[in-house]
Structures are given as structure tokens and as C-alpha cells.
Amino acid sequence: MIRDTIYSIVAKKLGVSTSELNEYSSARDFQAWDSLFHLSLITEIEQYLSIRIPLDILFTIASLGELVRACEASYNDESTI
């Protein structure tokens, strides 16, 4: 569920199909994915999933797979509170 949601948000913001994304997709693959896009993307995902990704993890995310794993960990942490 989280993976599909993230892929949908990323695809919409980049203007591509989800089939063009994979766990290795990163800023290197899309010209529009700059630092401002990255922060906007994280903010939208956090709001949609009602989570907060810790800053120390946020700045180490380098691929879509890493983003999914960070969101899943944050979601699980939020669920146990």
C-alpha cells in the first residue's frame, strides 16, 4: 500500500507513468527531480501518510526504494505510539 501510494505521488509530480519508476529511480533519472522537488515530494508524502521522516534519515534518501523503506519505518513507528 505505502509503495503504491508513493509511486503514484512521485509519478504524478514528475508527469510520468508509475511503470517508469522502480526502486532504483532517483534524481539522476529525472531532470525535474532537484532538491526543491525532493523536499516538496517528501512533504506531500508525509502529509498524505500522516508520518514524519526523521531529518537524519531524510537527507540520506537517494532512491525511490530508500524513500519507500523510510516511509514504511516511519509509518510503523507512528502506528505504535
C-alpha atoms as a PDB file:
ATOM      1  CA  MET A   1       0.000   0.000   0.000  1.00  0.00           C
ATOM      2  CA  ILE A   2       2.667   2.529   1.000  1.00  0.00           C
ATOM      3  CA  ARG A   3       4.824   1.671  -2.020  1.00  0.00           C
ATOM      4  CA  ASP A   4       1.926   2.116  -4.435  1.00  0.00           C
ATOM      5  CA  THR A   5       0.935   5.405  -2.821  1.00  0.00           C
ATOM      6  CA  ILE A   6       4.474   6.763  -3.037  1.00  0.00           C
ATOM      7  CA  TYR A   7       4.895   5.637  -6.634  1.00  0.00           C
ATOM      8  CA  SER A   8       1.602   7.315  -7.554  1.00  0.00           C
ATOM      9  CA  ILE A   9       2.596  10.583  -5.892  1.00  0.00           C
ATOM     10  CA  VAL A  10       6.059  10.574  -7.491  1.00  0.00           C
ATOM     11  CA  ALA A  11       4.673   9.721 -10.934  1.00  0.00           C
ATOM     12  CA  LYS A  12       2.051  12.466 -10.714  1.00  0.00           C
ATOM     13  CA  LYS A  13       4.574  15.080  -9.615  1.00  0.00           C
ATOM     14  CA  LEU A  14       7.067  14.060 -12.332  1.00  0.00           C
ATOM     15  CA  GLY A  15       4.417  13.690 -15.020  1.00  0.00           C
ATOM     16  CA  VAL A  16       5.367  10.085 -15.798  1.00  0.00           C
ATOM     17  CA  SER A  17       3.735   6.678 -15.541  1.00  0.00           C
ATOM     18  CA  THR A  18       4.309   4.541 -12.456  1.00  0.00           C
ATOM     19  CA  SER A  19       5.691   1.896 -14.833  1.00  0.00           C
ATOM     20  CA  GLU A  20       8.645   4.239 -15.440  1.00  0.00           C
ATOM     21  CA  LEU A  21       9.576   4.059 -11.750  1.00  0.00           C
ATOM     22  CA  ASN A  22      11.419   1.366  -9.832  1.00  0.00           C
ATOM     23  CA  GLU A  23      13.195   1.043  -6.517  1.00  0.00           C
ATOM     24  CA  TYR A  24      16.405   2.396  -8.043  1.00  0.00           C
ATOM     25  CA  SER A  25      14.789   5.515  -9.535  1.00  0.00           C
ATOM     26  CA  SER A  26      16.443   8.676  -8.277  1.00  0.00           C
ATOM     27  CA  ALA A  27      17.089  12.321  -9.002  1.00  0.00           C
ATOM     28  CA  ARG A  28      19.709  11.255 -11.557  1.00  0.00           C
ATOM     29  CA  ASP A  29      16.946   9.712 -13.685  1.00  0.00           C
ATOM     30  CA  PHE A  30      14.641  12.726 -13.898  1.00  0.00           C
ATOM     31  CA  GLN A  31      15.681  16.268 -14.716  1.00  0.00           C
ATOM     32  CA  ALA A  32      12.768  17.707 -12.719  1.00  0.00           C
ATOM     33  CA  TRP A  33      13.877  15.889  -9.541  1.00  0.00           C
ATOM     34  CA  ASP A  34      16.037  18.565  -7.954  1.00  0.00           C
ATOM     35  CA  SER A  35      16.436  19.460  -4.279  1.00  0.00           C
ATOM     36  CA  LEU A  36      13.293  21.604  -4.224  1.00  0.00           C
ATOM     37  CA  PHE A  37      11.285  18.825  -5.866  1.00  0.00           C
ATOM     38  CA  HIS A  38      12.698  16.368  -3.310  1.00  0.00           C
ATOM     39  CA  LEU A  39      11.572  18.470  -0.345  1.00  0.00           C
ATOM     40  CA  SER A  40       8.162  19.087  -1.911  1.00  0.00           C
ATOM     41  CA  LEU A  41       7.798  15.365  -2.566  1.00  0.00           C
ATOM     42  CA  ILE A  42       8.724  14.416   0.996  1.00  0.00           C
ATOM     43  CA  THR A  43       6.307  16.998   2.405  1.00  0.00           C
ATOM     44  CA  GLU A  44       3.435  15.732   0.269  1.00  0.00           C
ATOM     45  CA  ILE A  45       4.115  12.096   1.169  1.00  0.00           C
ATOM     46  CA  GLU A  46       4.416  12.890   4.875  1.00  0.00           C
ATOM     47  CA  GLN A  47       1.122  14.769   4.808  1.00  0.00           C
ATOM     48  CA  TYR A  48      -0.678  12.087   2.816  1.00  0.00           C
ATOM     49  CA  LEU A  49       0.536   9.242   5.058  1.00  0.00           C
ATOM     50  CA  SER A  50       0.411  11.299   8.293  1.00  0.00           C
ATOM     51  CA  ILE A  51       4.029  10.459   9.105  1.00  0.00           C
ATOM     52  CA  ARG A  52       7.279  12.299   9.794  1.00  0.00           C
ATOM     53  CA  ILE A  53      10.571  11.055   8.404  1.00  0.00           C
ATOM     54  CA  PRO A  54      13.409  11.908  10.805  1.00  0.00           C
ATOM     55  CA  LEU A  55      15.781  14.546   9.402  1.00  0.00           C
ATOM     56  CA  ASP A  56      18.832  12.326   9.838  1.00  0.00           C
ATOM     57  CA  ILE A  57      17.188   9.796   7.504  1.00  0.00           C
ATOM     58  CA  LEU A  58      15.566  12.340   5.212  1.00  0.00           C
ATOM     59  CA  PHE A  59      18.870  13.689   3.909  1.00  0.00           C
ATOM     60  CA  THR A  60      20.299  10.222   3.197  1.00  0.00           C
ATOM     61  CA  ILE A  61      17.460   9.074   0.908  1.00  0.00           C
ATOM     62  CA  ALA A  62      18.957   8.594  -2.552  1.00  0.00           C
ATOM     63  CA  SER A  63      16.438   6.379  -4.351  1.00  0.00           C
ATOM     64  CA  LEU A  64      12.765   5.603  -4.512  1.00  0.00           C
ATOM     65  CA  GLY A  65      13.357   2.291  -2.732  1.00  0.00           C
ATOM     66  CA  GLU A  66      15.049   4.087   0.149  1.00  0.00           C
ATOM     67  CA  LEU A  67      12.149   6.530   0.308  1.00  0.00           C
ATOM     68  CA  VAL A  68       9.629   3.681   0.475  1.00  0.00           C
ATOM     69  CA  ARG A  69      11.591   1.957   3.266  1.00  0.00           C
ATOM     70  CA  ALA A  70      11.907   5.220   5.242  1.00  0.00           C
ATOM     71  CA  CYS A  71       8.158   5.831   4.927  1.00  0.00           C
ATOM     72  CA  GLU A  72       7.326   2.269   5.946  1.00  0.00           C
ATOM     73  CA  ALA A  73       9.576   2.578   9.018  1.00  0.00           C
ATOM     74  CA  SER A  74       8.073   5.949   9.943  1.00  0.00           C
ATOM     75  CA  TYR A  75       4.549   4.632   9.381  1.00  0.00           C
ATOM     76  CA  ASN A  76       5.217   1.644  11.631  1.00  0.00           C
ATOM     77  CA  ASP A  77       6.745   3.897  14.292  1.00  0.00           C
ATOM     78  CA  GLU A  78       3.692   6.212  14.196  1.00  0.00           C
ATOM     79  CA  SER A  79       1.331   3.233  14.440  1.00  0.00           C
ATOM     80  CA  THR A  80       2.887   2.032  17.689  1.00  0.00           C
ATOM     81  CA  ILE A  81       2.509   5.329  19.535  1.00  0.00           C
END
